[in-house]
N, C-alpha and C. Protein backbone atom coordinates (compact mmCIF):
# COMPACT_ATOMS: atom_id res chain seq x y z
N MET A 1 0.86 -1.20 0.01
CA MET A 1 -0.05 -0.02 0.03
C MET A 1 0.87 1.26 0.03
N LYS A 2 0.47 2.22 -0.86
CA LYS A 2 1.28 3.41 -0.98
C LYS A 2 0.60 4.54 -0.05
N ILE A 3 1.44 5.22 0.76
CA ILE A 3 0.99 6.20 1.62
C ILE A 3 1.82 7.47 1.45
N LEU A 4 1.24 8.58 1.37
CA LEU A 4 1.86 9.94 1.21
C LEU A 4 1.78 10.73 2.53
N VAL A 5 2.90 11.14 3.03
CA VAL A 5 2.98 11.88 4.29
C VAL A 5 3.47 13.36 3.91
N VAL A 6 2.61 14.34 4.23
CA VAL A 6 2.96 15.71 3.84
C VAL A 6 3.03 16.61 5.04
N ASP A 7 4.25 17.19 5.29
CA ASP A 7 4.40 18.15 6.36
C ASP A 7 5.68 18.87 6.06
N ASP A 8 5.75 20.17 6.39
CA ASP A 8 6.93 20.95 6.11
C ASP A 8 7.94 20.63 7.28
N SER A 9 7.62 19.99 8.41
CA SER A 9 8.53 19.62 9.38
C SER A 9 9.05 18.21 9.21
N LYS A 10 10.34 18.08 8.99
CA LYS A 10 10.83 16.74 8.83
C LYS A 10 10.63 15.89 10.03
N LEU A 11 10.77 16.53 11.21
CA LEU A 11 10.55 15.79 12.45
C LEU A 11 9.05 15.21 12.46
N ALA A 12 8.15 16.03 12.16
CA ALA A 12 6.77 15.53 12.19
C ALA A 12 6.52 14.48 11.17
N ARG A 13 7.14 14.58 10.03
CA ARG A 13 7.01 13.50 8.96
C ARG A 13 7.66 12.19 9.51
N LEU A 14 8.84 12.31 10.11
CA LEU A 14 9.47 11.07 10.66
C LEU A 14 8.66 10.41 11.76
N SER A 15 8.15 11.25 12.63
CA SER A 15 7.33 10.65 13.73
C SER A 15 6.08 10.01 13.18
N LEU A 16 5.43 10.62 12.22
CA LEU A 16 4.20 9.98 11.62
C LEU A 16 4.61 8.74 10.88
N ILE A 17 5.65 8.73 10.13
CA ILE A 17 6.09 7.48 9.40
C ILE A 17 6.43 6.38 10.38
N LYS A 18 7.17 6.71 11.48
CA LYS A 18 7.44 5.69 12.49
C LYS A 18 6.19 5.03 13.01
N THR A 19 5.16 5.85 13.33
CA THR A 19 3.93 5.29 13.90
C THR A 19 3.14 4.50 12.79
N LEU A 20 3.28 4.97 11.51
CA LEU A 20 2.62 4.26 10.37
C LEU A 20 3.20 2.90 10.25
N LYS A 21 4.56 2.80 10.25
CA LYS A 21 5.28 1.59 10.02
C LYS A 21 4.92 0.55 11.09
N GLU A 22 4.58 0.97 12.32
CA GLU A 22 4.11 -0.03 13.38
C GLU A 22 2.88 -0.74 12.97
N HIS A 23 2.03 -0.08 12.19
CA HIS A 23 0.77 -0.59 11.79
C HIS A 23 0.72 -1.20 10.40
N GLU A 24 1.54 -0.62 9.53
CA GLU A 24 1.60 -1.03 8.13
C GLU A 24 3.04 -1.17 7.71
N PRO A 25 3.73 -2.25 8.21
CA PRO A 25 5.11 -2.43 7.96
C PRO A 25 5.58 -2.48 6.56
N SER A 26 4.65 -2.95 5.70
CA SER A 26 5.01 -3.22 4.23
C SER A 26 4.56 -2.03 3.43
N ALA A 27 4.07 -0.96 4.02
CA ALA A 27 3.67 0.19 3.25
C ALA A 27 4.88 0.88 2.55
N GLU A 28 4.53 1.35 1.34
CA GLU A 28 5.49 2.16 0.57
C GLU A 28 5.09 3.60 0.88
N ILE A 29 6.11 4.31 1.57
CA ILE A 29 5.80 5.68 2.13
C ILE A 29 6.52 6.69 1.34
N PHE A 30 5.76 7.64 0.87
CA PHE A 30 6.36 8.84 0.17
C PHE A 30 6.28 10.06 0.94
N GLU A 31 7.22 10.98 0.88
CA GLU A 31 7.25 12.19 1.76
C GLU A 31 7.22 13.47 0.83
N ALA A 32 6.56 14.47 1.31
CA ALA A 32 6.57 15.78 0.66
C ALA A 32 6.62 16.84 1.72
N GLU A 33 7.38 17.92 1.51
CA GLU A 33 7.51 19.00 2.48
C GLU A 33 6.66 20.16 2.25
N ASN A 34 5.84 20.11 1.16
CA ASN A 34 4.85 21.22 0.83
C ASN A 34 3.78 20.63 -0.09
N GLY A 35 2.71 21.38 -0.25
CA GLY A 35 1.52 20.91 -0.98
C GLY A 35 1.82 20.71 -2.50
N LEU A 36 2.73 21.55 -3.04
CA LEU A 36 3.03 21.43 -4.47
C LEU A 36 3.70 20.12 -4.76
N ILE A 37 4.62 19.72 -3.97
CA ILE A 37 5.35 18.39 -4.18
C ILE A 37 4.33 17.36 -3.86
N ALA A 38 3.50 17.51 -2.87
CA ALA A 38 2.47 16.45 -2.53
C ALA A 38 1.56 16.19 -3.76
N VAL A 39 1.10 17.23 -4.41
CA VAL A 39 0.16 17.04 -5.59
C VAL A 39 0.92 16.29 -6.68
N GLU A 40 2.13 16.66 -6.91
CA GLU A 40 2.92 15.93 -7.97
C GLU A 40 3.02 14.49 -7.61
N LEU A 41 3.43 14.18 -6.30
CA LEU A 41 3.58 12.82 -5.91
C LEU A 41 2.28 12.04 -5.99
N PHE A 42 1.19 12.72 -5.60
CA PHE A 42 -0.08 12.14 -5.76
C PHE A 42 -0.45 11.66 -7.17
N LYS A 43 -0.26 12.58 -8.07
CA LYS A 43 -0.42 12.30 -9.46
C LYS A 43 0.43 11.09 -9.95
N ASN A 44 1.68 11.09 -9.57
CA ASN A 44 2.67 10.09 -10.08
C ASN A 44 2.51 8.70 -9.37
N GLU A 45 2.15 8.80 -8.09
CA GLU A 45 2.21 7.50 -7.28
C GLU A 45 0.90 6.96 -6.96
N ASN A 46 -0.23 7.73 -6.97
CA ASN A 46 -1.55 7.33 -6.66
C ASN A 46 -1.65 6.58 -5.29
N PRO A 47 -1.25 7.22 -4.21
CA PRO A 47 -1.30 6.57 -2.94
C PRO A 47 -2.74 6.32 -2.40
N ARG A 48 -2.86 5.30 -1.57
CA ARG A 48 -4.18 4.94 -1.04
C ARG A 48 -4.58 5.91 0.01
N VAL A 49 -3.62 6.49 0.76
CA VAL A 49 -3.94 7.41 1.86
C VAL A 49 -2.89 8.56 1.76
N VAL A 50 -3.40 9.81 2.18
CA VAL A 50 -2.55 10.90 2.29
C VAL A 50 -2.73 11.50 3.69
N PHE A 51 -1.66 11.65 4.34
CA PHE A 51 -1.64 12.38 5.66
C PHE A 51 -1.08 13.76 5.37
N LEU A 52 -2.00 14.81 5.55
CA LEU A 52 -1.66 16.14 5.02
C LEU A 52 -1.72 17.18 6.18
N ASP A 53 -0.65 17.91 6.25
CA ASP A 53 -0.58 19.07 7.17
C ASP A 53 -1.24 20.31 6.48
N LEU A 54 -1.71 21.26 7.24
CA LEU A 54 -2.33 22.44 6.68
C LEU A 54 -1.35 23.56 6.41
N THR A 55 -0.54 23.88 7.40
CA THR A 55 0.31 25.06 7.32
C THR A 55 1.68 24.73 6.83
N MET A 56 1.93 25.03 5.53
CA MET A 56 3.17 24.80 4.89
C MET A 56 3.45 25.89 3.87
N PRO A 57 4.81 26.10 3.56
CA PRO A 57 5.17 27.06 2.59
C PRO A 57 4.90 26.54 1.10
N VAL A 58 5.04 27.40 0.18
CA VAL A 58 4.80 27.10 -1.25
C VAL A 58 3.39 26.87 -1.57
N MET A 59 2.76 25.84 -1.06
CA MET A 59 1.38 25.55 -1.23
C MET A 59 0.80 24.87 0.07
N ASP A 60 -0.18 25.52 0.72
CA ASP A 60 -0.67 24.99 1.95
C ASP A 60 -1.49 23.72 1.72
N GLY A 61 -1.95 23.16 2.84
CA GLY A 61 -2.76 21.93 2.77
C GLY A 61 -4.12 22.09 2.17
N TYR A 62 -4.73 23.34 2.38
CA TYR A 62 -6.04 23.57 1.91
C TYR A 62 -5.95 23.45 0.33
N GLU A 63 -4.96 24.16 -0.27
CA GLU A 63 -4.92 24.20 -1.67
C GLU A 63 -4.52 22.77 -2.23
N ALA A 64 -3.68 22.11 -1.52
CA ALA A 64 -3.19 20.81 -1.94
C ALA A 64 -4.47 19.83 -1.88
N LEU A 65 -5.22 19.94 -0.84
CA LEU A 65 -6.41 19.10 -0.68
C LEU A 65 -7.38 19.34 -1.83
N LYS A 66 -7.62 20.58 -2.22
CA LYS A 66 -8.53 20.86 -3.38
C LYS A 66 -7.97 20.25 -4.63
N LEU A 67 -6.69 20.31 -4.87
CA LEU A 67 -6.14 19.72 -6.09
C LEU A 67 -6.18 18.19 -6.09
N ILE A 68 -5.80 17.63 -4.98
CA ILE A 68 -5.87 16.19 -4.81
C ILE A 68 -7.23 15.63 -5.08
N MET A 69 -8.23 16.30 -4.48
CA MET A 69 -9.61 15.82 -4.66
C MET A 69 -10.09 16.03 -6.08
N SER A 70 -9.56 17.06 -6.82
CA SER A 70 -9.95 17.24 -8.14
C SER A 70 -9.32 16.18 -9.05
N ILE A 71 -8.19 15.66 -8.67
CA ILE A 71 -7.52 14.57 -9.38
C ILE A 71 -8.27 13.25 -9.10
N ASP A 72 -8.65 13.03 -7.86
CA ASP A 72 -9.28 11.77 -7.47
C ASP A 72 -10.23 12.02 -6.38
N PRO A 73 -11.59 12.22 -6.74
CA PRO A 73 -12.61 12.52 -5.74
C PRO A 73 -12.77 11.53 -4.61
N LYS A 74 -12.19 10.29 -4.92
CA LYS A 74 -12.33 9.23 -3.82
C LYS A 74 -11.03 9.14 -3.03
N ALA A 75 -10.14 10.14 -3.17
CA ALA A 75 -8.85 10.11 -2.40
C ALA A 75 -9.23 10.13 -0.88
N GLN A 76 -8.33 9.38 -0.18
CA GLN A 76 -8.58 9.24 1.27
C GLN A 76 -7.46 10.08 1.93
N VAL A 77 -7.89 11.33 2.19
CA VAL A 77 -6.96 12.34 2.84
C VAL A 77 -7.31 12.54 4.27
N VAL A 78 -6.31 12.34 5.10
CA VAL A 78 -6.40 12.60 6.55
C VAL A 78 -5.61 13.87 6.86
N VAL A 79 -6.27 14.91 7.34
CA VAL A 79 -5.61 16.06 7.65
C VAL A 79 -5.09 15.97 9.11
N VAL A 80 -3.79 16.21 9.23
CA VAL A 80 -3.13 16.18 10.53
C VAL A 80 -2.50 17.53 10.82
N SER A 81 -3.05 18.20 11.80
CA SER A 81 -2.77 19.63 12.06
C SER A 81 -2.73 20.03 13.40
N ALA A 82 -1.97 20.96 13.77
CA ALA A 82 -2.02 21.60 15.13
C ALA A 82 -3.17 22.54 15.17
N ASP A 83 -3.76 22.96 14.04
CA ASP A 83 -4.88 23.90 13.96
C ASP A 83 -6.11 23.05 14.11
N ILE A 84 -6.67 23.05 15.32
CA ILE A 84 -7.87 22.15 15.61
C ILE A 84 -9.08 23.05 15.77
N GLN A 85 -9.12 24.22 15.17
CA GLN A 85 -10.23 25.08 15.26
C GLN A 85 -11.45 24.42 14.48
N THR A 86 -12.64 24.65 15.00
CA THR A 86 -13.83 24.14 14.36
C THR A 86 -13.88 24.62 12.91
N GLN A 87 -13.60 25.83 12.64
CA GLN A 87 -13.66 26.37 11.28
C GLN A 87 -12.81 25.59 10.32
N ALA A 88 -11.51 25.35 10.79
CA ALA A 88 -10.54 24.67 9.89
C ALA A 88 -11.01 23.21 9.65
N GLN A 89 -11.56 22.55 10.63
CA GLN A 89 -12.08 21.22 10.48
C GLN A 89 -13.27 21.22 9.55
N ALA A 90 -14.25 22.12 9.65
CA ALA A 90 -15.33 22.22 8.69
C ALA A 90 -14.93 22.44 7.30
N GLN A 91 -13.89 23.31 7.16
CA GLN A 91 -13.43 23.60 5.74
C GLN A 91 -12.73 22.34 5.13
N VAL A 92 -11.94 21.70 5.83
CA VAL A 92 -11.23 20.54 5.22
C VAL A 92 -12.18 19.34 4.98
N LEU A 93 -13.20 19.19 5.83
CA LEU A 93 -14.13 18.15 5.56
C LEU A 93 -15.07 18.57 4.36
N ALA A 94 -15.39 19.85 4.24
CA ALA A 94 -16.19 20.26 3.11
C ALA A 94 -15.33 20.07 1.78
N LEU A 95 -14.05 20.23 1.92
CA LEU A 95 -13.22 20.07 0.68
C LEU A 95 -12.94 18.54 0.32
N GLY A 96 -13.34 17.64 1.21
CA GLY A 96 -13.28 16.25 0.86
C GLY A 96 -12.39 15.43 1.77
N ALA A 97 -11.72 15.90 2.77
CA ALA A 97 -10.91 15.13 3.68
C ALA A 97 -11.81 14.17 4.41
N LYS A 98 -11.25 12.96 4.63
CA LYS A 98 -12.07 11.93 5.38
C LYS A 98 -12.13 12.29 6.83
N MET A 99 -11.10 12.91 7.39
CA MET A 99 -11.17 13.33 8.82
C MET A 99 -9.90 14.32 9.01
N MET A 100 -10.02 14.89 10.22
CA MET A 100 -9.04 15.81 10.62
C MET A 100 -8.59 15.42 12.00
N VAL A 101 -7.33 15.21 12.22
CA VAL A 101 -6.83 14.74 13.60
C VAL A 101 -5.70 15.68 14.12
N PRO A 102 -5.72 15.93 15.34
CA PRO A 102 -4.65 16.87 15.90
C PRO A 102 -3.35 16.13 15.99
N LYS A 103 -2.28 16.90 15.76
CA LYS A 103 -0.91 16.46 15.98
C LYS A 103 -0.63 16.28 17.52
N PRO A 104 0.20 15.45 17.94
CA PRO A 104 0.84 14.34 17.19
C PRO A 104 -0.08 13.14 17.20
N ILE A 105 0.26 12.15 16.28
CA ILE A 105 -0.53 10.93 16.24
C ILE A 105 0.19 9.83 16.91
N ASN A 106 -0.38 9.28 17.95
CA ASN A 106 0.26 8.18 18.62
C ASN A 106 -0.24 6.83 18.05
N SER A 107 0.22 5.78 18.56
CA SER A 107 -0.08 4.39 18.00
C SER A 107 -1.55 4.13 18.06
N ASP A 108 -2.21 4.42 19.17
CA ASP A 108 -3.64 4.11 19.29
C ASP A 108 -4.46 4.95 18.33
N LYS A 109 -4.10 6.24 18.16
CA LYS A 109 -4.86 7.16 17.27
C LYS A 109 -4.65 6.66 15.82
N MET A 110 -3.39 6.22 15.52
CA MET A 110 -3.15 5.67 14.19
C MET A 110 -4.01 4.49 13.84
N SER A 111 -4.10 3.58 14.82
CA SER A 111 -4.90 2.38 14.68
C SER A 111 -6.35 2.76 14.44
N ASP A 112 -6.89 3.74 15.13
CA ASP A 112 -8.26 4.23 14.88
C ASP A 112 -8.44 4.82 13.49
N ILE A 113 -7.48 5.63 13.07
CA ILE A 113 -7.56 6.27 11.78
C ILE A 113 -7.54 5.18 10.68
N LEU A 114 -6.61 4.25 10.74
CA LEU A 114 -6.48 3.27 9.69
C LEU A 114 -7.77 2.28 9.67
N ASN A 115 -8.43 2.16 10.83
CA ASN A 115 -9.61 1.25 10.94
C ASN A 115 -10.82 2.01 10.25
N ARG A 116 -10.78 3.38 10.31
CA ARG A 116 -11.88 4.18 9.78
C ARG A 116 -11.70 4.41 8.22
N LEU A 117 -10.62 4.11 7.68
CA LEU A 117 -10.44 4.27 6.22
C LEU A 117 -10.83 2.97 5.44
N VAL A 118 -11.07 3.17 4.23
CA VAL A 118 -11.57 2.08 3.33
C VAL A 118 -10.32 1.65 2.48
N PHE A 119 -9.99 0.28 2.65
CA PHE A 119 -8.91 -0.25 1.87
C PHE A 119 -9.32 -1.24 0.84
C-alpha cells in the first residue's frame, strides 16, 4: 500500500512515518514537505492514503487538498494539523478530507484512523 505523508516539518514526517510503520510495515511511504510536491507525488504514485498538514510554505494543505480531490474525488486524505479550530475542521471536511486529527498521532490514534479508512 502506498501512503503519502505531507508536512513541512521533517521531524513531524518522521514521527508520523514511524507510527505508520508500526501498523503497516509493508507500506511504501512517500514524503513531501509542501503541497506542491504532494500534488505531484499524488499524480505520479496514486497513494491509497494521504496524511496532510495544513500550514506549509509554497502551497498550503487547503490548496493541496482541493487539487488532490480534483484529481481523485475518492482520495482518502487525513488532515493532521495543530490547527484544531472548528472552522478549519469544517473547511477541510467540506473540501473532501475523510477526517482531521490533531498532532501528534500516537499508535492508538493511528490504529483508529486506519480502521476508519476504506482499503
